Amino acid sequence: MSNCRSGRSLSGVTGAAVLLCCIAAPRLAAAPPTAVEHPYTLSVFAQSTGTDTSKGQYSQPDSIVQWKNHIIVGFQNHVLKDGTDGKSSTIVQYSLSGKVERTFSVPGHNDGLRVVGEDDLWSLQNEDANPNLVVINLESGQQKNYTFAPPPHGGGYDDMRVLDGKVLMTASNPMKDPNIDPALVIATLHGKMVEVEPVLFGNASATDIATGAPVKLNLQDPDSLTIDPRGNVLLDDQADSQLIFIRNVFSDDRVVGVLKLPSPAPATPTTVDDTTFASSSRGYLLFSDVSGDTVYRVDSDPFGFEPGTAYSASDTLGFVGVLNLDNGAITPIVTGLGSARGMIFVVLGVDDHGDK
């Protein structure tokens, strides 16, 4: 991997210093999953236990969040994405070393987890249609169920982030082309309902980060969310192979940039499911392989991670890589995966070694 770095502004949208890797087609590998770039190493953090939920088993790990000194993973258990089969997902709490501590059952297909406030875990289900939200108080273990009014875009809701005390959600699986409905909303709880307020519409105006050209968006697959080191919202428009950066998201002066992801071949689009940023030199990446039924850990030794570096997980091409925020190229660091998703960066404290 190249040691060169770029610190230049990203068309005024992100501006984070990033690790710049040579532009190349992803080097996809056969099984088993492998760390292909020094100094990264790959290990197993946790695995599925089976598909028989009547015996307490769980499968298909996806979303991952950290709560204090615990890691929480949503297992989808092959539930339909609109929840119409009446089945439930399993939320599993682990120690930092990957030991199972407790589990929760939530109705539907889980595809979003976020800790809101100190101890409330918001678990979001059914991203294609019929969305519901379960709020779990992680101190008491009590659960409350919430419903949504029929979504204006016709689909469901997918991922969540907390910014300035407000909960942002992506409006997933829109039923219109072009998409003129909300793609990003603010969610608040009222009684037993989740009420949503539009923030960004699917046909918003934007600027192409690589070229500076004006672009009219048509977001057909709003998916995952993250926050970059400068507090900008990063929305993954998954099937459209592009990332949307939003500066001043709650302001009328918001700035929207689009980073298109180059394809390794004409008939092979690059899609990513999750992106995260290294926020410290001391820490590690966690990501899930939903079809491989495994949660993996990536370490960078001996000098640790470069803070501000962006990492993306490709669900279709089966790799995790370093994202170049200037041109969208992704250099794989782990290959041979089935469907990589749910990535977070875990910061290690002074007394926390996160032993593997």
Protein backbone atom coordinates (compact mmCIF):
# COMPACT_ATOMS: atom_id res chain seq x y z
CA MET A 1 0.00 0.00 0.00
CA SER A 2 1.26 3.44 -0.87
CA ASN A 3 2.43 5.65 1.97
CA CYS A 4 1.53 8.88 0.16
CA ARG A 5 -1.19 11.04 1.74
CA SER A 6 -3.47 13.78 0.52
CA GLY A 7 -4.48 16.67 2.75
CA ARG A 8 -6.22 18.89 0.19
CA SER A 9 -9.80 20.06 0.49
CA LEU A 10 -12.51 17.82 -0.93
CA SER A 11 -14.40 20.45 -2.93
CA GLY A 12 -15.27 22.10 0.37
CA VAL A 13 -17.37 19.13 1.46
CA THR A 14 -15.23 16.90 3.68
CA GLY A 15 -11.73 18.29 3.91
CA ALA A 16 -10.46 15.41 6.08
CA ALA A 17 -6.89 14.26 5.61
CA VAL A 18 -7.07 10.79 4.11
CA LEU A 19 -4.78 7.95 3.21
CA LEU A 20 -4.39 8.12 -0.59
CA CYS A 21 -3.92 4.74 -2.20
CA CYS A 22 -3.06 3.93 -5.79
CA ILE A 23 -6.12 3.70 -8.02
CA ALA A 24 -6.62 0.12 -9.07
CA ALA A 25 -9.38 -2.36 -9.68
CA PRO A 26 -10.29 -4.31 -6.53
CA ARG A 27 -8.26 -7.47 -6.23
CA LEU A 28 -11.05 -9.87 -5.46
CA ALA A 29 -9.99 -13.15 -3.89
CA ALA A 30 -11.50 -16.55 -3.40
CA ALA A 31 -12.27 -17.85 0.08
CA PRO A 32 -11.11 -17.59 2.78
CA PRO A 33 -11.30 -13.91 3.72
CA THR A 34 -7.81 -12.45 3.82
CA ALA A 35 -6.10 -9.21 4.80
CA VAL A 36 -4.21 -8.35 1.61
CA GLU A 37 -2.44 -5.14 2.65
CA HIS A 38 0.29 -4.60 5.24
CA PRO A 39 -0.02 -3.58 8.10
CA TYR A 40 -3.60 -4.86 8.40
CA THR A 41 -4.46 -8.18 10.07
CA LEU A 42 -7.80 -9.98 10.14
CA SER A 43 -9.38 -12.04 12.92
CA VAL A 44 -12.84 -13.35 13.85
CA PHE A 45 -14.71 -11.32 16.49
CA ALA A 46 -18.02 -13.28 16.56
CA GLN A 47 -20.05 -15.74 14.51
CA SER A 48 -23.63 -16.81 13.93
CA THR A 49 -24.87 -19.76 15.98
CA GLY A 50 -27.43 -21.24 13.58
CA THR A 51 -30.78 -20.67 11.88
CA ASP A 52 -33.15 -22.26 14.44
CA THR A 53 -34.46 -19.24 16.34
CA SER A 54 -36.69 -21.52 18.46
CA LYS A 55 -33.46 -22.74 20.06
CA GLY A 56 -32.12 -19.24 20.57
CA GLN A 57 -29.88 -19.38 17.51
CA TYR A 58 -29.16 -16.36 15.31
CA SER A 59 -27.66 -15.72 11.88
CA GLN A 60 -26.86 -13.03 9.30
CA PRO A 61 -25.01 -10.31 11.26
CA ASP A 62 -25.38 -6.79 9.86
CA SER A 63 -25.48 -3.56 11.89
CA ILE A 64 -22.88 -2.96 14.62
CA VAL A 65 -22.72 -0.29 17.33
CA GLN A 66 -20.66 0.30 20.44
CA TRP A 67 -22.24 0.99 23.84
CA LYS A 68 -19.68 1.82 26.53
CA ASN A 69 -17.43 -1.27 26.77
CA HIS A 70 -19.80 -3.45 24.77
CA ILE A 71 -20.38 -4.24 21.11
CA ILE A 72 -23.95 -4.78 19.88
CA VAL A 73 -24.73 -6.61 16.64
CA GLY A 74 -28.05 -7.03 14.82
CA PHE A 75 -28.64 -10.52 13.37
CA GLN A 76 -31.33 -10.59 10.65
CA ASN A 77 -32.19 -14.31 10.88
CA HIS A 78 -33.28 -14.48 7.21
CA VAL A 79 -36.36 -12.37 7.98
CA LEU A 80 -38.02 -10.74 4.96
CA LYS A 81 -37.03 -7.10 4.47
CA ASP A 82 -40.64 -5.94 4.76
CA GLY A 83 -41.32 -8.09 7.85
CA THR A 84 -44.35 -9.78 6.29
CA ASP A 85 -43.22 -13.26 7.36
CA GLY A 86 -43.84 -12.33 11.00
CA LYS A 87 -40.38 -13.42 12.13
CA SER A 88 -37.92 -11.64 14.42
CA SER A 89 -34.30 -10.51 14.41
CA THR A 90 -31.87 -11.00 17.29
CA ILE A 91 -29.81 -8.23 18.86
CA VAL A 92 -26.69 -9.60 20.57
CA GLN A 93 -24.56 -7.74 23.12
CA TYR A 94 -20.89 -8.74 23.32
CA SER A 95 -17.94 -7.78 25.46
CA LEU A 96 -15.04 -6.07 23.68
CA SER A 97 -13.39 -9.49 23.45
CA GLY A 98 -16.39 -11.04 21.65
CA LYS A 99 -18.04 -12.87 24.56
CA VAL A 100 -21.85 -13.05 24.37
CA GLU A 101 -23.42 -11.16 27.28
CA ARG A 102 -27.16 -11.08 26.45
CA THR A 103 -29.64 -11.09 23.57
CA PHE A 104 -32.87 -9.30 22.62
CA SER A 105 -35.58 -10.23 20.11
CA VAL A 106 -37.16 -7.56 17.89
CA PRO A 107 -40.01 -8.04 15.39
CA GLY A 108 -39.01 -7.83 11.73
CA HIS A 109 -35.81 -7.48 9.71
CA ASN A 110 -33.26 -5.41 11.62
CA ASP A 111 -31.11 -3.11 9.49
CA GLY A 112 -30.32 -0.17 11.74
CA LEU A 113 -28.90 0.21 15.25
CA ARG A 114 -27.93 3.38 17.09
CA VAL A 115 -27.38 4.35 20.73
CA VAL A 116 -29.38 7.52 21.44
CA GLY A 117 -28.50 9.39 24.62
CA GLU A 118 -26.66 7.38 27.26
CA ASP A 119 -28.42 4.04 27.29
CA ASP A 120 -31.24 3.81 24.71
CA LEU A 121 -30.62 1.50 21.78
CA TRP A 122 -32.81 2.32 18.78
CA SER A 123 -33.39 -0.80 16.69
CA LEU A 124 -34.92 -0.10 13.26
CA GLN A 125 -36.66 -2.84 11.26
CA ASN A 126 -38.07 -3.47 7.76
CA GLU A 127 -36.16 -1.17 5.40
CA ASP A 128 -38.24 -2.14 2.37
CA ALA A 129 -41.73 -1.48 3.81
CA ASN A 130 -43.78 -1.59 7.04
CA PRO A 131 -41.02 -0.06 9.22
CA ASN A 132 -41.03 -0.30 13.00
CA LEU A 133 -38.73 0.90 15.76
CA VAL A 134 -37.89 -0.81 19.05
CA VAL A 135 -36.17 1.23 21.77
CA ILE A 136 -34.25 -0.91 24.26
CA ASN A 137 -33.04 0.65 27.50
CA LEU A 138 -29.69 -1.09 27.85
CA GLU A 139 -29.48 -0.55 31.60
CA SER A 140 -32.86 -2.10 32.44
CA GLY A 141 -33.39 -4.26 29.35
CA GLN A 142 -36.92 -2.91 28.90
CA GLN A 143 -38.24 -2.56 25.34
CA LYS A 144 -40.79 -0.19 23.80
CA ASN A 145 -42.26 -0.63 20.33
CA TYR A 146 -43.03 2.28 17.99
CA THR A 147 -44.75 2.44 14.62
CA PHE A 148 -44.53 4.84 11.65
CA ALA A 149 -47.21 6.48 9.58
CA PRO A 150 -47.16 5.25 5.95
CA PRO A 151 -43.84 6.57 4.57
CA PRO A 152 -44.34 9.21 1.84
CA HIS A 153 -41.68 7.59 -0.33
CA GLY A 154 -43.44 4.21 -0.17
CA GLY A 155 -40.58 2.16 1.33
CA GLY A 156 -39.10 1.91 4.82
CA TYR A 157 -36.31 3.42 6.90
CA ASP A 158 -32.80 2.01 7.05
CA ASP A 159 -30.03 3.59 9.12
CA MET A 160 -29.71 6.23 11.84
CA ARG A 161 -27.18 8.72 13.20
CA VAL A 162 -27.34 11.22 16.04
CA LEU A 163 -26.08 14.73 15.24
CA ASP A 164 -26.57 17.80 17.44
CA GLY A 165 -29.04 15.83 19.55
CA LYS A 166 -31.24 14.96 16.56
CA VAL A 167 -31.80 11.48 15.10
CA LEU A 168 -31.35 11.29 11.33
CA MET A 169 -32.82 8.38 9.34
CA THR A 170 -32.48 7.35 5.72
CA ALA A 171 -35.74 6.86 3.79
CA SER A 172 -34.96 3.61 2.00
CA ASN A 173 -36.44 1.75 -0.96
CA PRO A 174 -38.23 4.70 -2.60
CA MET A 175 -41.04 3.76 -4.97
CA LYS A 176 -40.66 6.68 -7.40
CA ASP A 177 -38.20 7.33 -10.23
CA PRO A 178 -37.28 10.14 -10.19
CA ASN A 179 -37.34 10.26 -6.40
CA ILE A 180 -38.92 13.56 -5.37
CA ASP A 181 -39.70 12.42 -1.80
CA PRO A 182 -37.62 12.75 1.38
CA ALA A 183 -34.40 10.72 1.34
CA LEU A 184 -33.14 11.87 4.75
CA VAL A 185 -35.40 12.73 7.71
CA ILE A 186 -35.28 13.75 11.37
CA ALA A 187 -37.08 11.22 13.60
CA THR A 188 -38.74 12.03 16.93
CA LEU A 189 -40.86 9.92 19.29
CA HIS A 190 -44.41 10.99 20.17
CA GLY A 191 -46.55 8.58 22.14
CA LYS A 192 -46.20 5.24 20.38
CA MET A 193 -45.35 6.78 17.01
CA VAL A 194 -42.17 7.80 15.21
CA GLU A 195 -42.73 11.13 13.49
CA VAL A 196 -40.42 12.20 10.66
CA GLU A 197 -39.48 15.62 9.28
CA PRO A 198 -37.83 15.92 5.83
CA VAL A 199 -34.23 17.15 5.68
CA LEU A 200 -33.00 16.21 2.19
CA PHE A 201 -35.09 15.24 -0.83
CA GLY A 202 -34.14 12.61 -3.37
CA ASN A 203 -33.87 15.17 -6.17
CA ALA A 204 -31.68 17.69 -4.31
CA SER A 205 -29.07 19.76 -6.13
CA ALA A 206 -25.44 18.80 -5.49
CA THR A 207 -21.86 19.26 -6.67
CA ASP A 208 -19.72 16.47 -8.10
CA ILE A 209 -16.77 16.31 -5.69
CA ALA A 210 -14.30 15.00 -8.28
CA THR A 211 -15.14 17.48 -11.06
CA GLY A 212 -16.89 20.42 -9.39
CA ALA A 213 -19.79 20.13 -11.84
CA PRO A 214 -23.40 20.74 -10.69
CA VAL A 215 -25.53 17.59 -10.38
CA LYS A 216 -29.24 16.94 -9.92
CA LEU A 217 -29.60 13.93 -7.63
CA ASN A 218 -32.02 11.06 -8.07
CA LEU A 219 -31.45 8.96 -4.96
CA GLN A 220 -32.88 5.52 -5.69
CA ASP A 221 -31.29 3.67 -2.77
CA PRO A 222 -30.64 5.78 0.37
CA ASP A 223 -29.00 3.33 2.75
CA SER A 224 -26.34 3.76 5.44
CA LEU A 225 -25.30 6.89 7.31
CA THR A 226 -22.14 8.05 9.02
CA ILE A 227 -20.60 11.32 10.20
CA ASP A 228 -17.20 12.36 8.85
CA PRO A 229 -14.45 13.92 11.03
CA ARG A 230 -15.73 17.44 10.27
CA GLY A 231 -19.30 16.71 11.28
CA ASN A 232 -20.64 16.33 7.74
CA VAL A 233 -23.28 13.70 7.10
CA LEU A 234 -22.31 10.91 4.71
CA LEU A 235 -25.27 9.16 3.09
CA ASP A 236 -24.68 5.99 1.09
CA ASP A 237 -26.78 5.91 -2.09
CA GLN A 238 -25.98 2.24 -2.44
CA ALA A 239 -27.40 0.92 -5.72
CA ASP A 240 -26.45 4.16 -7.49
CA SER A 241 -22.76 3.63 -6.59
CA GLN A 242 -22.28 7.02 -4.97
CA LEU A 243 -21.77 8.67 -1.59
CA ILE A 244 -23.55 11.90 -0.64
CA PHE A 245 -21.80 14.37 1.70
CA ILE A 246 -23.95 17.00 3.41
CA ARG A 247 -22.44 19.99 5.21
CA ASN A 248 -24.67 22.06 7.54
CA VAL A 249 -27.40 19.46 7.21
CA PHE A 250 -29.89 21.29 9.42
CA SER A 251 -29.36 24.68 7.79
CA ASP A 252 -30.90 26.34 4.75
CA ASP A 253 -27.27 26.94 3.70
CA ARG A 254 -26.49 23.22 3.50
CA VAL A 255 -23.96 22.11 0.91
CA VAL A 256 -24.39 18.75 -0.83
CA GLY A 257 -21.59 16.90 -2.63
CA VAL A 258 -21.68 13.60 -4.51
CA LEU A 259 -18.71 11.24 -4.71
CA LYS A 260 -19.18 8.69 -7.47
CA LEU A 261 -17.53 5.30 -7.01
CA PRO A 262 -15.56 4.15 -10.08
CA SER A 263 -16.24 0.62 -11.31
CA PRO A 264 -13.48 -1.98 -11.77
CA ALA A 265 -15.17 -3.06 -15.03
CA PRO A 266 -18.01 -1.69 -17.21
CA ALA A 267 -20.52 -4.32 -16.07
CA THR A 268 -19.32 -4.39 -12.44
CA PRO A 269 -20.61 -1.42 -10.46
CA THR A 270 -18.97 -0.64 -7.13
CA THR A 271 -21.46 -0.43 -4.30
CA VAL A 272 -20.69 0.02 -0.62
CA ASP A 273 -22.92 -0.67 2.35
CA ASP A 274 -21.09 1.14 5.15
CA THR A 275 -18.28 3.65 5.55
CA THR A 276 -16.46 4.58 8.75
CA PHE A 277 -13.53 6.77 9.73
CA ALA A 278 -10.56 5.93 11.93
CA SER A 279 -10.90 8.39 14.80
CA SER A 280 -7.71 7.38 16.65
CA SER A 281 -4.45 5.58 16.03
CA ARG A 282 -5.38 3.15 18.82
CA GLY A 283 -8.34 1.04 17.88
CA TYR A 284 -9.67 -1.50 15.42
CA LEU A 285 -12.29 -1.94 12.73
CA LEU A 286 -15.27 -4.24 13.10
CA PHE A 287 -17.43 -5.26 10.16
CA SER A 288 -19.96 -7.97 9.39
CA ASP A 289 -20.16 -10.44 6.53
CA VAL A 290 -23.88 -11.16 6.43
CA SER A 291 -23.66 -14.08 4.01
CA GLY A 292 -20.55 -15.43 5.76
CA ASP A 293 -22.30 -15.30 9.17
CA THR A 294 -19.24 -13.70 10.75
CA VAL A 295 -18.19 -10.43 12.39
CA TYR A 296 -14.52 -9.67 11.69
CA ARG A 297 -11.94 -7.48 13.38
CA VAL A 298 -9.17 -5.62 11.53
CA ASP A 299 -6.08 -4.38 13.36
CA SER A 300 -3.26 -2.18 12.07
CA ASP A 301 0.10 -2.91 13.69
CA PRO A 302 2.57 -1.82 14.87
CA PHE A 303 1.83 1.90 14.48
CA GLY A 304 -1.96 1.84 14.47
CA PHE A 305 -4.42 3.62 12.20
CA GLU A 306 -4.09 6.98 10.50
CA PRO A 307 -6.82 9.19 12.04
CA GLY A 308 -9.24 10.52 9.43
CA THR A 309 -8.77 7.59 7.04
CA ALA A 310 -12.05 6.42 5.50
CA TYR A 311 -12.88 2.72 5.15
CA SER A 312 -15.75 1.28 3.11
CA ALA A 313 -17.32 -2.17 2.99
CA SER A 314 -18.53 -3.41 -0.40
CA ASP A 315 -21.52 -5.72 -0.18
CA THR A 316 -21.43 -6.72 -3.86
CA LEU A 317 -17.69 -7.02 -4.49
CA GLY A 318 -16.87 -8.70 -1.18
CA PHE A 319 -14.11 -6.50 0.20
CA VAL A 320 -13.28 -3.84 2.79
CA GLY A 321 -10.97 -1.08 1.62
CA VAL A 322 -9.53 2.40 2.04
CA LEU A 323 -11.76 5.01 0.40
CA ASN A 324 -10.10 7.87 -1.49
CA LEU A 325 -12.30 10.86 -0.65
CA ASP A 326 -11.08 12.83 -3.66
CA ASN A 327 -12.06 10.44 -6.47
CA GLY A 328 -14.03 7.56 -4.89
CA ALA A 329 -11.47 4.83 -5.60
CA ILE A 330 -11.34 2.06 -3.00
CA THR A 331 -8.17 0.06 -2.39
CA PRO A 332 -9.06 -3.31 -0.78
CA ILE A 333 -7.42 -4.29 2.50
CA VAL A 334 -9.59 -7.41 3.10
CA THR A 335 -10.92 -9.59 0.28
CA GLY A 336 -12.79 -12.88 -0.16
CA LEU A 337 -15.92 -11.78 1.71
CA GLY A 338 -19.49 -12.67 0.84
CA SER A 339 -21.31 -9.40 1.59
CA ALA A 340 -19.40 -6.93 3.78
CA ARG A 341 -21.48 -4.49 5.85
CA GLY A 342 -22.02 -2.90 9.26
CA MET A 343 -18.58 -1.34 9.82
CA ILE A 344 -17.52 0.70 12.87
CA PHE A 345 -14.24 1.89 14.36
CA VAL A 346 -13.68 0.97 18.02
CA VAL A 347 -11.37 3.28 19.98
CA LEU A 348 -9.20 1.66 22.63
CA GLY A 349 -8.80 3.43 25.97
CA VAL A 350 -5.68 3.50 28.13
CA ASP A 351 -6.79 0.49 30.19
CA ASP A 352 -8.71 -1.22 27.42
CA HIS A 353 -6.72 -3.63 25.32
CA GLY A 354 -9.69 -5.21 23.52
CA ASP A 355 -7.92 -8.55 23.62
CA LYS A 356 -8.54 -10.77 20.65
